[in-house]
Amino acid sequence: MTYTELLDFLDHHLNYPFLDGHASATVLAAAQAGQVADPLTQEVVLELFRANGCATVSDPVERAASFNGLASLRLRSQADDSDPHLFRKVLKLSQELDNAFDQELIRQRG
């Protein structure tokens, strides 16, 4: 699965605006410029790109690298003093990230 395919999957499966109707490359460019309105989306978009060593949005992504890239966010959301709304969003993100790779594996196995 590519970076774009992963972001598109997340956009369709998360229960909150993620790409907000924009292409993955557009959101990535905005995130790199610090111009994404939602800080969670900005962090996720950048960390998935960085953790997978992507140079373009068509580069492949891997499950382990993706989860490693979001580890800091996941730990912050689980802190005792974290916002419960953020916790629920990050929990859903983690579930759908796992689901994306499961669906890709099922697709590959035919």
N, C-alpha and C. Protein backbone atom coordinates (compact mmCIF):
# COMPACT_ATOMS: atom_id res chain seq x y z
N MET A 1 0.85 -1.16 0.00
CA MET A 1 0.00 0.00 0.00
C MET A 1 0.90 1.23 0.00
N THR A 2 0.46 2.26 -0.69
CA THR A 2 1.23 3.49 -0.75
C THR A 2 0.77 4.46 0.34
N TYR A 3 1.55 5.50 0.52
CA TYR A 3 1.21 6.55 1.48
C TYR A 3 -0.17 7.14 1.14
N THR A 4 -0.39 7.44 -0.12
CA THR A 4 -1.68 8.00 -0.54
C THR A 4 -2.82 7.03 -0.25
N GLU A 5 -2.62 5.77 -0.56
CA GLU A 5 -3.68 4.78 -0.31
C GLU A 5 -3.99 4.68 1.18
N LEU A 6 -2.97 4.76 2.01
CA LEU A 6 -3.20 4.71 3.45
C LEU A 6 -3.98 5.93 3.93
N LEU A 7 -3.57 7.11 3.50
CA LEU A 7 -4.30 8.32 3.92
C LEU A 7 -5.74 8.30 3.41
N ASP A 8 -5.94 7.83 2.19
CA ASP A 8 -7.30 7.75 1.65
C ASP A 8 -8.15 6.77 2.45
N PHE A 9 -7.56 5.64 2.84
CA PHE A 9 -8.27 4.66 3.67
C PHE A 9 -8.68 5.30 4.99
N LEU A 10 -7.73 5.96 5.64
CA LEU A 10 -8.02 6.60 6.92
C LEU A 10 -9.11 7.67 6.75
N ASP A 11 -9.03 8.43 5.68
CA ASP A 11 -10.01 9.47 5.43
C ASP A 11 -11.42 8.90 5.32
N HIS A 12 -11.54 7.72 4.71
CA HIS A 12 -12.86 7.10 4.53
C HIS A 12 -13.36 6.36 5.77
N HIS A 13 -12.47 6.02 6.69
CA HIS A 13 -12.87 5.18 7.82
C HIS A 13 -12.87 5.87 9.18
N LEU A 14 -12.23 7.02 9.28
CA LEU A 14 -12.25 7.73 10.55
C LEU A 14 -13.58 8.46 10.70
N ASN A 15 -14.01 8.63 11.92
CA ASN A 15 -15.30 9.28 12.18
C ASN A 15 -15.14 10.79 12.39
N TYR A 16 -14.09 11.36 11.84
CA TYR A 16 -13.87 12.79 11.94
C TYR A 16 -13.15 13.25 10.67
N PRO A 17 -13.26 14.53 10.34
CA PRO A 17 -12.60 15.03 9.12
C PRO A 17 -11.09 14.80 9.21
N PHE A 18 -10.54 14.23 8.17
CA PHE A 18 -9.11 13.96 8.14
C PHE A 18 -8.48 14.73 6.98
N LEU A 19 -8.73 14.30 5.76
CA LEU A 19 -8.21 15.03 4.60
C LEU A 19 -9.13 16.17 4.20
N ASP A 20 -10.32 16.16 4.73
CA ASP A 20 -11.28 17.26 4.53
C ASP A 20 -11.52 17.58 3.05
N GLY A 21 -11.60 16.51 2.22
CA GLY A 21 -11.91 16.69 0.81
C GLY A 21 -10.72 17.03 -0.07
N HIS A 22 -9.52 17.06 0.50
CA HIS A 22 -8.32 17.41 -0.26
C HIS A 22 -7.52 16.15 -0.60
N ALA A 23 -6.72 16.24 -1.63
CA ALA A 23 -5.83 15.14 -2.02
C ALA A 23 -4.72 14.98 -0.97
N SER A 24 -4.23 13.77 -0.85
CA SER A 24 -3.16 13.48 0.11
C SER A 24 -1.95 14.38 -0.09
N ALA A 25 -1.55 14.57 -1.34
CA ALA A 25 -0.37 15.40 -1.62
C ALA A 25 -0.60 16.84 -1.18
N THR A 26 -1.81 17.33 -1.34
CA THR A 26 -2.14 18.69 -0.94
C THR A 26 -2.07 18.85 0.57
N VAL A 27 -2.61 17.86 1.29
CA VAL A 27 -2.59 17.91 2.76
C VAL A 27 -1.16 17.76 3.27
N LEU A 28 -0.38 16.89 2.64
CA LEU A 28 1.02 16.73 3.04
C LEU A 28 1.78 18.04 2.86
N ALA A 29 1.61 18.69 1.73
CA ALA A 29 2.31 19.96 1.47
C ALA A 29 1.89 21.01 2.50
N ALA A 30 0.60 21.06 2.80
CA ALA A 30 0.12 22.01 3.81
C ALA A 30 0.70 21.69 5.18
N ALA A 31 0.77 20.40 5.51
CA ALA A 31 1.33 19.98 6.81
C ALA A 31 2.81 20.34 6.89
N GLN A 32 3.53 20.14 5.81
CA GLN A 32 4.96 20.47 5.81
C GLN A 32 5.18 21.98 5.96
N ALA A 33 4.20 22.76 5.54
CA ALA A 33 4.28 24.21 5.67
C ALA A 33 3.66 24.69 6.99
N GLY A 34 3.16 23.74 7.80
CA GLY A 34 2.55 24.09 9.07
C GLY A 34 1.20 24.77 8.91
N GLN A 35 0.47 24.43 7.85
CA GLN A 35 -0.77 25.12 7.53
C GLN A 35 -2.02 24.26 7.62
N VAL A 36 -1.95 23.12 8.28
CA VAL A 36 -3.14 22.30 8.47
C VAL A 36 -3.83 22.77 9.74
N ALA A 37 -5.11 23.06 9.64
CA ALA A 37 -5.85 23.62 10.78
C ALA A 37 -5.92 22.66 11.97
N ASP A 38 -6.08 21.37 11.69
CA ASP A 38 -6.21 20.39 12.77
C ASP A 38 -4.83 19.86 13.16
N PRO A 39 -4.38 20.12 14.39
CA PRO A 39 -3.04 19.67 14.79
C PRO A 39 -2.88 18.15 14.75
N LEU A 40 -3.94 17.41 15.04
CA LEU A 40 -3.84 15.95 14.99
C LEU A 40 -3.58 15.48 13.57
N THR A 41 -4.34 16.00 12.62
CA THR A 41 -4.13 15.63 11.22
C THR A 41 -2.73 16.00 10.78
N GLN A 42 -2.28 17.18 11.14
CA GLN A 42 -0.94 17.61 10.74
C GLN A 42 0.11 16.64 11.27
N GLU A 43 0.01 16.27 12.54
CA GLU A 43 1.00 15.36 13.12
C GLU A 43 0.95 13.98 12.46
N VAL A 44 -0.24 13.45 12.26
CA VAL A 44 -0.38 12.11 11.67
C VAL A 44 0.18 12.08 10.26
N VAL A 45 -0.19 13.06 9.45
CA VAL A 45 0.26 13.12 8.06
C VAL A 45 1.79 13.17 7.99
N LEU A 46 2.38 14.03 8.81
CA LEU A 46 3.84 14.18 8.79
C LEU A 46 4.56 12.96 9.35
N GLU A 47 4.06 12.42 10.46
CA GLU A 47 4.75 11.29 11.09
C GLU A 47 4.66 10.02 10.26
N LEU A 48 3.53 9.79 9.61
CA LEU A 48 3.43 8.61 8.74
C LEU A 48 4.40 8.73 7.57
N PHE A 49 4.52 9.91 7.01
CA PHE A 49 5.43 10.15 5.89
C PHE A 49 6.88 9.94 6.34
N ARG A 50 7.23 10.55 7.47
CA ARG A 50 8.60 10.47 7.99
C ARG A 50 8.97 9.05 8.42
N ALA A 51 8.10 8.43 9.18
CA ALA A 51 8.41 7.11 9.74
C ALA A 51 8.58 6.04 8.67
N ASN A 52 7.89 6.22 7.55
CA ASN A 52 8.00 5.25 6.46
C ASN A 52 9.11 5.60 5.48
N GLY A 53 9.83 6.68 5.75
CA GLY A 53 10.93 7.08 4.88
C GLY A 53 10.47 7.45 3.48
N CYS A 54 9.28 8.02 3.39
CA CYS A 54 8.72 8.37 2.08
C CYS A 54 9.42 9.60 1.50
N ALA A 55 9.58 9.58 0.19
CA ALA A 55 10.07 10.75 -0.54
C ALA A 55 8.93 11.35 -1.35
N THR A 56 7.96 10.49 -1.72
CA THR A 56 6.78 10.94 -2.47
C THR A 56 5.55 10.26 -1.87
N VAL A 57 4.37 10.76 -2.25
CA VAL A 57 3.13 10.17 -1.74
C VAL A 57 2.85 8.81 -2.36
N SER A 58 3.59 8.44 -3.41
CA SER A 58 3.40 7.11 -4.01
C SER A 58 4.31 6.04 -3.43
N ASP A 59 5.13 6.41 -2.45
CA ASP A 59 6.02 5.44 -1.82
C ASP A 59 5.23 4.47 -0.94
N PRO A 60 5.75 3.25 -0.80
CA PRO A 60 5.06 2.26 0.03
C PRO A 60 5.20 2.57 1.52
N VAL A 61 4.21 2.12 2.27
CA VAL A 61 4.23 2.25 3.73
C VAL A 61 4.11 0.86 4.34
N GLU A 62 4.59 0.74 5.56
CA GLU A 62 4.54 -0.54 6.27
C GLU A 62 3.87 -0.36 7.62
N ARG A 63 3.26 -1.44 8.08
CA ARG A 63 2.53 -1.42 9.35
C ARG A 63 3.43 -1.01 10.51
N ALA A 64 4.55 -1.71 10.68
CA ALA A 64 5.42 -1.46 11.84
C ALA A 64 5.94 -0.03 11.83
N ALA A 65 6.40 0.44 10.69
CA ALA A 65 6.92 1.80 10.60
C ALA A 65 5.83 2.82 10.90
N SER A 66 4.63 2.56 10.42
CA SER A 66 3.51 3.49 10.64
C SER A 66 3.17 3.58 12.13
N PHE A 67 3.07 2.42 12.79
CA PHE A 67 2.77 2.44 14.22
C PHE A 67 3.91 3.06 15.03
N ASN A 68 5.15 2.79 14.62
CA ASN A 68 6.29 3.41 15.30
C ASN A 68 6.24 4.93 15.17
N GLY A 69 5.85 5.40 14.01
CA GLY A 69 5.78 6.84 13.77
C GLY A 69 4.73 7.53 14.64
N LEU A 70 3.69 6.79 15.01
CA LEU A 70 2.62 7.37 15.81
C LEU A 70 2.74 7.04 17.30
N ALA A 71 3.82 6.39 17.69
CA ALA A 71 3.99 5.96 19.08
C ALA A 71 3.93 7.12 20.06
N SER A 72 4.60 8.21 19.77
CA SER A 72 4.60 9.36 20.67
C SER A 72 3.19 9.92 20.84
N LEU A 73 2.47 10.04 19.75
CA LEU A 73 1.08 10.52 19.80
C LEU A 73 0.21 9.58 20.63
N ARG A 74 0.38 8.31 20.41
CA ARG A 74 -0.43 7.32 21.14
C ARG A 74 -0.14 7.39 22.63
N LEU A 75 1.12 7.52 23.00
CA LEU A 75 1.47 7.62 24.43
C LEU A 75 0.92 8.90 25.05
N ARG A 76 1.03 10.01 24.34
CA ARG A 76 0.48 11.28 24.85
C ARG A 76 -1.02 11.19 25.07
N SER A 77 -1.72 10.52 24.15
CA SER A 77 -3.18 10.44 24.26
C SER A 77 -3.62 9.54 25.41
N GLN A 78 -2.72 8.68 25.89
CA GLN A 78 -3.05 7.76 26.97
C GLN A 78 -2.63 8.28 28.34
N ALA A 79 -2.03 9.44 28.37
CA ALA A 79 -1.59 10.02 29.66
C ALA A 79 -2.81 10.32 30.53
N ASP A 80 -2.61 10.28 31.82
CA ASP A 80 -3.71 10.52 32.77
C ASP A 80 -4.38 11.87 32.59
N ASP A 81 -3.61 12.86 32.18
CA ASP A 81 -4.16 14.21 32.05
C ASP A 81 -4.55 14.57 30.60
N SER A 82 -4.60 13.56 29.72
CA SER A 82 -4.94 13.87 28.33
C SER A 82 -6.44 14.09 28.15
N ASP A 83 -6.77 14.80 27.11
CA ASP A 83 -8.15 15.09 26.75
C ASP A 83 -8.85 13.80 26.31
N PRO A 84 -9.99 13.45 26.91
CA PRO A 84 -10.69 12.22 26.52
C PRO A 84 -11.10 12.21 25.05
N HIS A 85 -11.39 13.38 24.50
CA HIS A 85 -11.76 13.47 23.08
C HIS A 85 -10.56 13.08 22.20
N LEU A 86 -9.37 13.57 22.56
CA LEU A 86 -8.16 13.21 21.83
C LEU A 86 -7.90 11.71 21.96
N PHE A 87 -8.08 11.17 23.15
CA PHE A 87 -7.88 9.74 23.36
C PHE A 87 -8.76 8.94 22.41
N ARG A 88 -10.04 9.30 22.32
CA ARG A 88 -10.97 8.56 21.44
C ARG A 88 -10.57 8.69 19.97
N LYS A 89 -10.13 9.86 19.57
CA LYS A 89 -9.71 10.05 18.17
C LYS A 89 -8.47 9.22 17.85
N VAL A 90 -7.52 9.21 18.75
CA VAL A 90 -6.28 8.46 18.52
C VAL A 90 -6.55 6.96 18.59
N LEU A 91 -7.45 6.54 19.46
CA LEU A 91 -7.84 5.13 19.52
C LEU A 91 -8.45 4.70 18.20
N LYS A 92 -9.36 5.49 17.67
CA LYS A 92 -9.99 5.18 16.38
C LYS A 92 -8.95 5.18 15.27
N LEU A 93 -8.03 6.13 15.31
CA LEU A 93 -6.95 6.19 14.33
C LEU A 93 -6.13 4.90 14.36
N SER A 94 -5.77 4.46 15.55
CA SER A 94 -4.97 3.24 15.70
C SER A 94 -5.72 2.03 15.18
N GLN A 95 -6.99 1.94 15.49
CA GLN A 95 -7.81 0.82 15.02
C GLN A 95 -7.90 0.80 13.50
N GLU A 96 -8.12 1.96 12.91
CA GLU A 96 -8.25 2.02 11.45
C GLU A 96 -6.92 1.87 10.74
N LEU A 97 -5.84 2.28 11.38
CA LEU A 97 -4.51 2.05 10.80
C LEU A 97 -4.26 0.55 10.72
N ASP A 98 -4.56 -0.16 11.78
CA ASP A 98 -4.43 -1.61 11.78
C ASP A 98 -5.35 -2.24 10.74
N ASN A 99 -6.58 -1.76 10.66
CA ASN A 99 -7.55 -2.25 9.69
C ASN A 99 -7.06 -2.05 8.26
N ALA A 100 -6.44 -0.93 7.98
CA ALA A 100 -5.93 -0.64 6.63
C ALA A 100 -4.93 -1.71 6.20
N PHE A 101 -4.01 -2.06 7.08
CA PHE A 101 -3.01 -3.06 6.74
C PHE A 101 -3.61 -4.46 6.68
N ASP A 102 -4.60 -4.74 7.53
CA ASP A 102 -5.30 -6.03 7.44
C ASP A 102 -6.01 -6.16 6.11
N GLN A 103 -6.70 -5.12 5.69
CA GLN A 103 -7.43 -5.15 4.41
C GLN A 103 -6.47 -5.30 3.23
N GLU A 104 -5.32 -4.66 3.32
CA GLU A 104 -4.32 -4.79 2.26
C GLU A 104 -3.80 -6.22 2.19
N LEU A 105 -3.58 -6.84 3.33
CA LEU A 105 -3.11 -8.23 3.35
C LEU A 105 -4.16 -9.16 2.76
N ILE A 106 -5.41 -8.95 3.12
CA ILE A 106 -6.51 -9.77 2.56
C ILE A 106 -6.57 -9.59 1.05
N ARG A 107 -6.44 -8.35 0.58
CA ARG A 107 -6.48 -8.08 -0.86
C ARG A 107 -5.33 -8.78 -1.58
N GLN A 108 -4.14 -8.76 -0.98
CA GLN A 108 -2.98 -9.40 -1.60
C GLN A 108 -3.13 -10.91 -1.68
N ARG A 109 -3.79 -11.48 -0.70
CA ARG A 109 -3.95 -12.94 -0.67
C ARG A 109 -5.09 -13.42 -1.56
N GLY A 110 -5.86 -12.46 -2.05
CA GLY A 110 -6.88 -12.74 -3.04
C GLY A 110 -8.11 -13.38 -2.54
